[in-house]
Amino acid sequence: MDDTTLTTHGLTAKTGGRILLLACGALAREILDLIKINRWDHMDLHCLPAILHVYPDRIPDAVDQAITKHRAAYDDIFVVYADCGTGGLLQQVCDAHDVKMVAGPHCYSFFEGNTAFAAQDEVTAFYLTDFLVRQFDAFVIKPLGLDRHPDLRDMYFGNYTKLVYQSQTKDEGLIALAQTHAARLGLAFEHRHTGYGDLATALSDQA
């Protein structure tokens, strides 16, 4: 997902009660589904590039700049990132701008449900969402250089025991594709249908 604003009404001027959802591009499909299902017509979605998932140190500055750019046009902004590997720096950016963000360490946690995820304590699990199953080569294989050096697989994944696919939609094709990815990494496979998890709750709280 490119750095772009997806709006339900195409509004650019500040109007009463409008909320900007400032989100990771990897969550665009799910957020747009929730907006449509719940008829949250007062919410607009602005996505930062999904590739920031691979470079979490860049997320705080990108969010800071986006909040500054769009603040005047909206009554409120909600940041649809969890900590996502920023080591608390994203929370500091949000606090400085007095905006809220999704609770949790990362999207795998809030899709599962933060309480349930913490109870699992799966330190040897590698997680994929619908987006990452579809974009596996772009977001896993190529950034790690495994397309050029497949022999490095065990160095990266030798301490993992399983791949957990947290599905947001019920799609047999994606499940089969996720199984293929698990085999490619030499990991056992587990599928959990999480749906939208705490993401739905977090957005509903803003509505």
C-alpha atoms as a PDB file:
ATOM      1  CA  MET A   1       0.000   0.000   0.000  1.00  0.00           C
ATOM      2  CA  ASP A   2       1.439   3.322  -1.051  1.00  0.00           C
ATOM      3  CA  ASP A   3       1.501   6.413   1.145  1.00  0.00           C
ATOM      4  CA  THR A   4      -1.994   7.596   0.311  1.00  0.00           C
ATOM      5  CA  THR A   5      -5.259   8.680   1.856  1.00  0.00           C
ATOM      6  CA  LEU A   6      -8.305   6.492   1.313  1.00  0.00           C
ATOM      7  CA  THR A   7     -11.480   8.345   2.254  1.00  0.00           C
ATOM      8  CA  THR A   8     -15.109   7.376   2.487  1.00  0.00           C
ATOM      9  CA  HIS A   9     -16.298  10.798   1.321  1.00  0.00           C
ATOM     10  CA  GLY A  10     -13.188  12.332  -0.196  1.00  0.00           C
ATOM     11  CA  LEU A  11     -13.255  15.201   2.327  1.00  0.00           C
ATOM     12  CA  THR A  12     -10.163  17.305   2.781  1.00  0.00           C
ATOM     13  CA  ALA A  13     -11.438  20.230   4.844  1.00  0.00           C
ATOM     14  CA  LYS A  14     -11.938  19.832   8.593  1.00  0.00           C
ATOM     15  CA  THR A  15     -15.550  19.034   9.432  1.00  0.00           C
ATOM     16  CA  GLY A  16     -17.344  18.082  12.621  1.00  0.00           C
ATOM     17  CA  GLY A  17     -16.414  14.743  14.123  1.00  0.00           C
ATOM     18  CA  ARG A  18     -14.064  13.467  11.438  1.00  0.00           C
ATOM     19  CA  ILE A  19     -11.363  11.019  12.490  1.00  0.00           C
ATOM     20  CA  LEU A  20      -8.238  10.099  10.563  1.00  0.00           C
ATOM     21  CA  LEU A  21      -6.992   6.551  10.992  1.00  0.00           C
ATOM     22  CA  LEU A  22      -3.244   6.732  10.440  1.00  0.00           C
ATOM     23  CA  ALA A  23      -2.259   3.148   9.753  1.00  0.00           C
ATOM     24  CA  CYS A  24       0.264   0.627   8.560  1.00  0.00           C
ATOM     25  CA  GLY A  25      -0.380  -0.219   4.917  1.00  0.00           C
ATOM     26  CA  ALA A  26      -0.430  -3.903   5.852  1.00  0.00           C
ATOM     27  CA  LEU A  27      -3.721  -3.287   7.680  1.00  0.00           C
ATOM     28  CA  ALA A  28      -5.506  -1.379   4.922  1.00  0.00           C
ATOM     29  CA  ARG A  29      -7.779  -4.196   3.765  1.00  0.00           C
ATOM     30  CA  GLU A  30      -8.920  -5.069   7.287  1.00  0.00           C
ATOM     31  CA  ILE A  31      -9.517  -1.445   8.304  1.00  0.00           C
ATOM     32  CA  LEU A  32     -11.519  -0.695   5.159  1.00  0.00           C
ATOM     33  CA  ASP A  33     -13.604  -3.828   5.798  1.00  0.00           C
ATOM     34  CA  LEU A  34     -14.354  -2.678   9.349  1.00  0.00           C
ATOM     35  CA  ILE A  35     -15.232   0.839   8.178  1.00  0.00           C
ATOM     36  CA  LYS A  36     -17.656  -0.609   5.617  1.00  0.00           C
ATOM     37  CA  ILE A  37     -19.205  -3.201   7.947  1.00  0.00           C
ATOM     38  CA  ASN A  38     -19.772  -0.694  10.738  1.00  0.00           C
ATOM     39  CA  ARG A  39     -20.665   2.276   8.506  1.00  0.00           C
ATOM     40  CA  TRP A  40     -18.062   4.477  10.144  1.00  0.00           C
ATOM     41  CA  ASP A  41     -18.558   7.189   7.543  1.00  0.00           C
ATOM     42  CA  HIS A  42     -16.817   9.771   9.707  1.00  0.00           C
ATOM     43  CA  MET A  43     -13.505   7.886   9.485  1.00  0.00           C
ATOM     44  CA  ASP A  44     -10.873   8.321   6.777  1.00  0.00           C
ATOM     45  CA  LEU A  45      -7.887   6.033   6.308  1.00  0.00           C
ATOM     46  CA  HIS A  46      -4.362   7.196   5.552  1.00  0.00           C
ATOM     47  CA  CYS A  47      -1.820   4.404   5.110  1.00  0.00           C
ATOM     48  CA  LEU A  48       1.925   4.646   5.455  1.00  0.00           C
ATOM     49  CA  PRO A  49       3.970   2.270   3.274  1.00  0.00           C
ATOM     50  CA  ALA A  50       3.626  -1.319   4.437  1.00  0.00           C
ATOM     51  CA  ILE A  51       7.349  -1.890   3.892  1.00  0.00           C
ATOM     52  CA  LEU A  52       7.961   0.016   7.146  1.00  0.00           C
ATOM     53  CA  HIS A  53       7.033  -3.322   8.721  1.00  0.00           C
ATOM     54  CA  VAL A  54      10.567  -4.373   7.780  1.00  0.00           C
ATOM     55  CA  TYR A  55      12.158  -1.159   9.095  1.00  0.00           C
ATOM     56  CA  PRO A  56      10.504  -0.405  12.456  1.00  0.00           C
ATOM     57  CA  ASP A  57      13.099   2.238  13.338  1.00  0.00           C
ATOM     58  CA  ARG A  58      11.558   4.409  10.597  1.00  0.00           C
ATOM     59  CA  ILE A  59       7.989   4.179  11.864  1.00  0.00           C
ATOM     60  CA  PRO A  60       8.080   6.879  14.588  1.00  0.00           C
ATOM     61  CA  ASP A  61       9.390   9.597  12.264  1.00  0.00           C
ATOM     62  CA  ALA A  62       6.961   8.618   9.506  1.00  0.00           C
ATOM     63  CA  VAL A  63       4.010   8.755  11.901  1.00  0.00           C
ATOM     64  CA  ASP A  64       5.241  12.035  13.392  1.00  0.00           C
ATOM     65  CA  GLN A  65       5.386  13.645   9.957  1.00  0.00           C
ATOM     66  CA  ALA A  66       1.975  12.301   8.950  1.00  0.00           C
ATOM     67  CA  ILE A  67       0.289  13.540  12.123  1.00  0.00           C
ATOM     68  CA  THR A  68       1.804  16.971  11.609  1.00  0.00           C
ATOM     69  CA  LYS A  69       0.707  17.038   7.975  1.00  0.00           C
ATOM     70  CA  HIS A  70      -2.914  16.000   8.554  1.00  0.00           C
ATOM     71  CA  ARG A  71      -3.675  17.333  12.038  1.00  0.00           C
ATOM     72  CA  ALA A  72      -5.414  20.528  10.933  1.00  0.00           C
ATOM     73  CA  ALA A  73      -7.898  18.685   8.706  1.00  0.00           C
ATOM     74  CA  TYR A  74      -9.332  16.398  11.388  1.00  0.00           C
ATOM     75  CA  ASP A  75     -10.977  16.586  14.766  1.00  0.00           C
ATOM     76  CA  ASP A  76      -9.000  13.577  15.939  1.00  0.00           C
ATOM     77  CA  ILE A  77      -6.310  11.158  14.750  1.00  0.00           C
ATOM     78  CA  PHE A  78      -5.959   7.545  15.813  1.00  0.00           C
ATOM     79  CA  VAL A  79      -2.703   5.711  15.069  1.00  0.00           C
ATOM     80  CA  VAL A  80      -3.362   2.160  13.892  1.00  0.00           C
ATOM     81  CA  TYR A  81       0.014   0.755  14.813  1.00  0.00           C
ATOM     82  CA  ALA A  82       0.957  -1.112  17.951  1.00  0.00           C
ATOM     83  CA  ASP A  83       4.547  -0.697  19.194  1.00  0.00           C
ATOM     84  CA  CYS A  84       5.698  -2.733  16.150  1.00  0.00           C
ATOM     85  CA  GLY A  85       9.345  -2.963  17.204  1.00  0.00           C
ATOM     86  CA  THR A  86       9.865   0.740  17.918  1.00  0.00           C
ATOM     87  CA  GLY A  87      10.881   0.157  21.532  1.00  0.00           C
ATOM     88  CA  GLY A  88       8.351   2.637  22.896  1.00  0.00           C
ATOM     89  CA  LEU A  89       9.385   5.448  20.537  1.00  0.00           C
ATOM     90  CA  LEU A  90       6.080   5.394  18.669  1.00  0.00           C
ATOM     91  CA  GLN A  91       4.202   5.804  21.937  1.00  0.00           C
ATOM     92  CA  GLN A  92       6.365   8.840  22.692  1.00  0.00           C
ATOM     93  CA  VAL A  93       5.434  10.378  19.334  1.00  0.00           C
ATOM     94  CA  CYS A  94       1.739   9.775  19.996  1.00  0.00           C
ATOM     95  CA  ASP A  95       1.993  11.212  23.505  1.00  0.00           C
ATOM     96  CA  ALA A  96       3.728  14.309  22.156  1.00  0.00           C
ATOM     97  CA  HIS A  97       0.838  14.877  19.740  1.00  0.00           C
ATOM     98  CA  ASP A  98      -1.798  13.824  22.289  1.00  0.00           C
ATOM     99  CA  VAL A  99      -3.191  11.084  20.040  1.00  0.00           C
ATOM    100  CA  LYS A 100      -4.020   7.485  20.870  1.00  0.00           C
ATOM    101  CA  MET A 101      -2.670   4.299  19.278  1.00  0.00           C
ATOM    102  CA  VAL A 102      -3.526   0.596  19.266  1.00  0.00           C
ATOM    103  CA  ALA A 103      -2.430  -1.221  22.404  1.00  0.00           C
ATOM    104  CA  GLY A 104      -0.046  -4.150  22.157  1.00  0.00           C
ATOM    105  CA  PRO A 105       3.445  -5.087  21.002  1.00  0.00           C
ATOM    106  CA  HIS A 106       2.545  -5.762  17.340  1.00  0.00           C
ATOM    107  CA  CYS A 107      -0.270  -6.744  14.994  1.00  0.00           C
ATOM    108  CA  TYR A 108       0.144 -10.471  15.677  1.00  0.00           C
ATOM    109  CA  SER A 109      -0.769  -9.741  19.276  1.00  0.00           C
ATOM    110  CA  PHE A 110      -3.807  -7.551  18.650  1.00  0.00           C
ATOM    111  CA  PHE A 111      -5.173  -9.830  15.925  1.00  0.00           C
ATOM    112  CA  GLU A 112      -4.982 -12.748  18.361  1.00  0.00           C
ATOM    113  CA  GLY A 113      -6.215 -10.536  21.188  1.00  0.00           C
ATOM    114  CA  ASN A 114      -3.525  -9.066  23.439  1.00  0.00           C
ATOM    115  CA  THR A 115      -4.555 -11.062  26.506  1.00  0.00           C
ATOM    116  CA  ALA A 116      -4.746 -14.351  24.600  1.00  0.00           C
ATOM    117  CA  PHE A 117      -1.467 -13.679  22.808  1.00  0.00           C
ATOM    118  CA  ALA A 118       0.382 -12.972  26.049  1.00  0.00           C
ATOM    119  CA  ALA A 119      -0.964 -16.207  27.530  1.00  0.00           C
ATOM    120  CA  GLN A 120       0.400 -18.227  24.592  1.00  0.00           C
ATOM    121  CA  ASP A 121       4.022 -17.190  25.333  1.00  0.00           C
ATOM    122  CA  GLU A 122       5.182 -18.624  21.987  1.00  0.00           C
ATOM    123  CA  VAL A 123       8.754 -17.447  21.681  1.00  0.00           C
ATOM    124  CA  THR A 124       9.565 -19.974  18.943  1.00  0.00           C
ATOM    125  CA  ALA A 125       6.592 -19.182  16.673  1.00  0.00           C
ATOM    126  CA  PHE A 126       6.858 -17.209  13.439  1.00  0.00           C
ATOM    127  CA  TYR A 127       3.614 -15.405  12.596  1.00  0.00           C
ATOM    128  CA  LEU A 128       1.903 -14.500   9.356  1.00  0.00           C
ATOM    129  CA  THR A 129      -1.306 -12.556   8.722  1.00  0.00           C
ATOM    130  CA  ASP A 130      -3.434 -12.542   5.564  1.00  0.00           C
ATOM    131  CA  PHE A 131      -1.335  -9.687   4.209  1.00  0.00           C
ATOM    132  CA  LEU A 132       1.968 -11.414   4.903  1.00  0.00           C
ATOM    133  CA  VAL A 133       0.795 -14.699   3.415  1.00  0.00           C
ATOM    134  CA  ARG A 134      -0.011 -12.834   0.199  1.00  0.00           C
ATOM    135  CA  GLN A 135       3.183 -10.763   0.287  1.00  0.00           C
ATOM    136  CA  PHE A 136       5.534 -13.427   1.669  1.00  0.00           C
ATOM    137  CA  ASP A 137       8.293 -12.999  -0.889  1.00  0.00           C
ATOM    138  CA  ALA A 138       8.268  -9.185  -0.699  1.00  0.00           C
ATOM    139  CA  PHE A 139       8.213  -8.967   3.105  1.00  0.00           C
ATOM    140  CA  VAL A 140      10.064 -12.108   4.244  1.00  0.00           C
ATOM    141  CA  ILE A 141      12.115 -13.790   1.543  1.00  0.00           C
ATOM    142  CA  LYS A 142      13.602 -10.801  -0.284  1.00  0.00           C
ATOM    143  CA  PRO A 143      14.382  -8.567   2.749  1.00  0.00           C
ATOM    144  CA  LEU A 144      16.269 -11.465   4.335  1.00  0.00           C
ATOM    145  CA  GLY A 145      18.094 -12.218   1.081  1.00  0.00           C
ATOM    146  CA  LEU A 146      16.756 -15.773   0.950  1.00  0.00           C
ATOM    147  CA  ASP A 147      15.919 -15.407  -2.720  1.00  0.00           C
ATOM    148  CA  ARG A 148      19.655 -15.018  -3.361  1.00  0.00           C
ATOM    149  CA  HIS A 149      21.031 -17.122  -0.511  1.00  0.00           C
ATOM    150  CA  PRO A 150      18.527 -19.849   0.442  1.00  0.00           C
ATOM    151  CA  ASP A 151      21.281 -21.536   2.453  1.00  0.00           C
ATOM    152  CA  LEU A 152      20.796 -18.821   5.099  1.00  0.00           C
ATOM    153  CA  ARG A 153      17.343 -20.146   5.969  1.00  0.00           C
ATOM    154  CA  ASP A 154      18.438 -22.144   8.988  1.00  0.00           C
ATOM    155  CA  MET A 155      20.493 -19.259  10.312  1.00  0.00           C
ATOM    156  CA  TYR A 156      17.372 -17.070  10.357  1.00  0.00           C
ATOM    157  CA  PHE A 157      14.778 -19.657  11.303  1.00  0.00           C
ATOM    158  CA  GLY A 158      16.720 -22.386  13.108  1.00  0.00           C
ATOM    159  CA  ASN A 159      15.378 -21.311  16.498  1.00  0.00           C
ATOM    160  CA  TYR A 160      11.743 -21.296  15.352  1.00  0.00           C
ATOM    161  CA  THR A 161       9.620 -24.424  15.680  1.00  0.00           C
ATOM    162  CA  LYS A 162       6.413 -23.493  13.855  1.00  0.00           C
ATOM    163  CA  LEU A 163       4.746 -20.991  11.566  1.00  0.00           C
ATOM    164  CA  VAL A 164       1.412 -19.719  12.891  1.00  0.00           C
ATOM    165  CA  TYR A 165      -0.966 -18.298  10.313  1.00  0.00           C
ATOM    166  CA  GLN A 166      -3.408 -15.892  11.979  1.00  0.00           C
ATOM    167  CA  SER A 167      -6.122 -15.525   9.370  1.00  0.00           C
ATOM    168  CA  GLN A 168      -8.411 -12.528   9.225  1.00  0.00           C
ATOM    169  CA  THR A 169     -10.567 -14.062   6.479  1.00  0.00           C
ATOM    170  CA  LYS A 170     -11.647 -17.628   5.837  1.00  0.00           C
ATOM    171  CA  ASP A 171      -9.861 -18.455   2.596  1.00  0.00           C
ATOM    172  CA  GLU A 172      -8.775 -22.022   1.854  1.00  0.00           C
ATOM    173  CA  GLY A 173      -6.386 -20.761  -0.812  1.00  0.00           C
ATOM    174  CA  LEU A 174      -4.529 -18.610   1.705  1.00  0.00           C
ATOM    175  CA  ILE A 175      -4.356 -21.475   4.172  1.00  0.00           C
ATOM    176  CA  ALA A 176      -2.779 -23.685   1.512  1.00  0.00           C
ATOM    177  CA  LEU A 177      -0.357 -20.904   0.584  1.00  0.00           C
ATOM    178  CA  ALA A 178       0.613 -20.415   4.231  1.00  0.00           C
ATOM    179  CA  GLN A 179       1.313 -24.146   4.504  1.00  0.00           C
ATOM    180  CA  THR A 180       3.628 -23.814   1.528  1.00  0.00           C
ATOM    181  CA  HIS A 181       5.459 -20.955   3.239  1.00  0.00           C
ATOM    182  CA  ALA A 182       5.871 -23.032   6.392  1.00  0.00           C
ATOM    183  CA  ALA A 183       7.365 -25.895   4.404  1.00  0.00           C
ATOM    184  CA  ARG A 184       9.679 -23.467   2.643  1.00  0.00           C
ATOM    185  CA  LEU A 185      11.015 -22.333   6.023  1.00  0.00           C
ATOM    186  CA  GLY A 186      11.227 -25.879   7.384  1.00  0.00           C
ATOM    187  CA  LEU A 187       8.652 -25.174  10.112  1.00  0.00           C
ATOM    188  CA  ALA A 188       5.584 -26.953  11.428  1.00  0.00           C
ATOM    189  CA  PHE A 189       2.309 -25.284  10.473  1.00  0.00           C
ATOM    190  CA  GLU A 190      -0.570 -24.068  12.605  1.00  0.00           C
ATOM    191  CA  HIS A 191      -3.613 -22.115  11.481  1.00  0.00           C
ATOM    192  CA  ARG A 192      -5.686 -19.911  13.801  1.00  0.00           C
ATOM    193  CA  HIS A 193      -8.639 -17.920  12.542  1.00  0.00           C
ATOM    194  CA  THR A 194      -8.411 -14.737  14.595  1.00  0.00           C
ATOM    195  CA  GLY A 195     -10.647 -12.463  12.586  1.00  0.00           C
ATOM    196  CA  TYR A 196     -10.004  -8.808  13.416  1.00  0.00           C
ATOM    197  CA  GLY A 197      -9.284  -9.396  17.111  1.00  0.00           C
ATOM    198  CA  ASP A 198      -8.551  -6.310  19.195  1.00  0.00           C
ATOM    199  CA  LEU A 199      -8.273  -4.204  16.036  1.00  0.00           C
ATOM    200  CA  ALA A 200     -12.077  -4.177  15.793  1.00  0.00           C
ATOM    201  CA  THR A 201     -12.368  -3.215  19.450  1.00  0.00           C
ATOM    202  CA  ALA A 202      -9.790  -0.437  19.172  1.00  0.00           C
ATOM    203  CA  LEU A 203     -11.514   1.141  16.169  1.00  0.00           C
ATOM    204  CA  SER A 204     -14.955   0.734  17.721  1.00  0.00           C
ATOM    205  CA  ASP A 205     -13.724   2.637  20.774  1.00  0.00           C
ATOM    206  CA  GLN A 206     -12.868   5.580  18.514  1.00  0.00           C
ATOM    207  CA  ALA A 207     -16.258   5.532  16.814  1.00  0.00           C
END
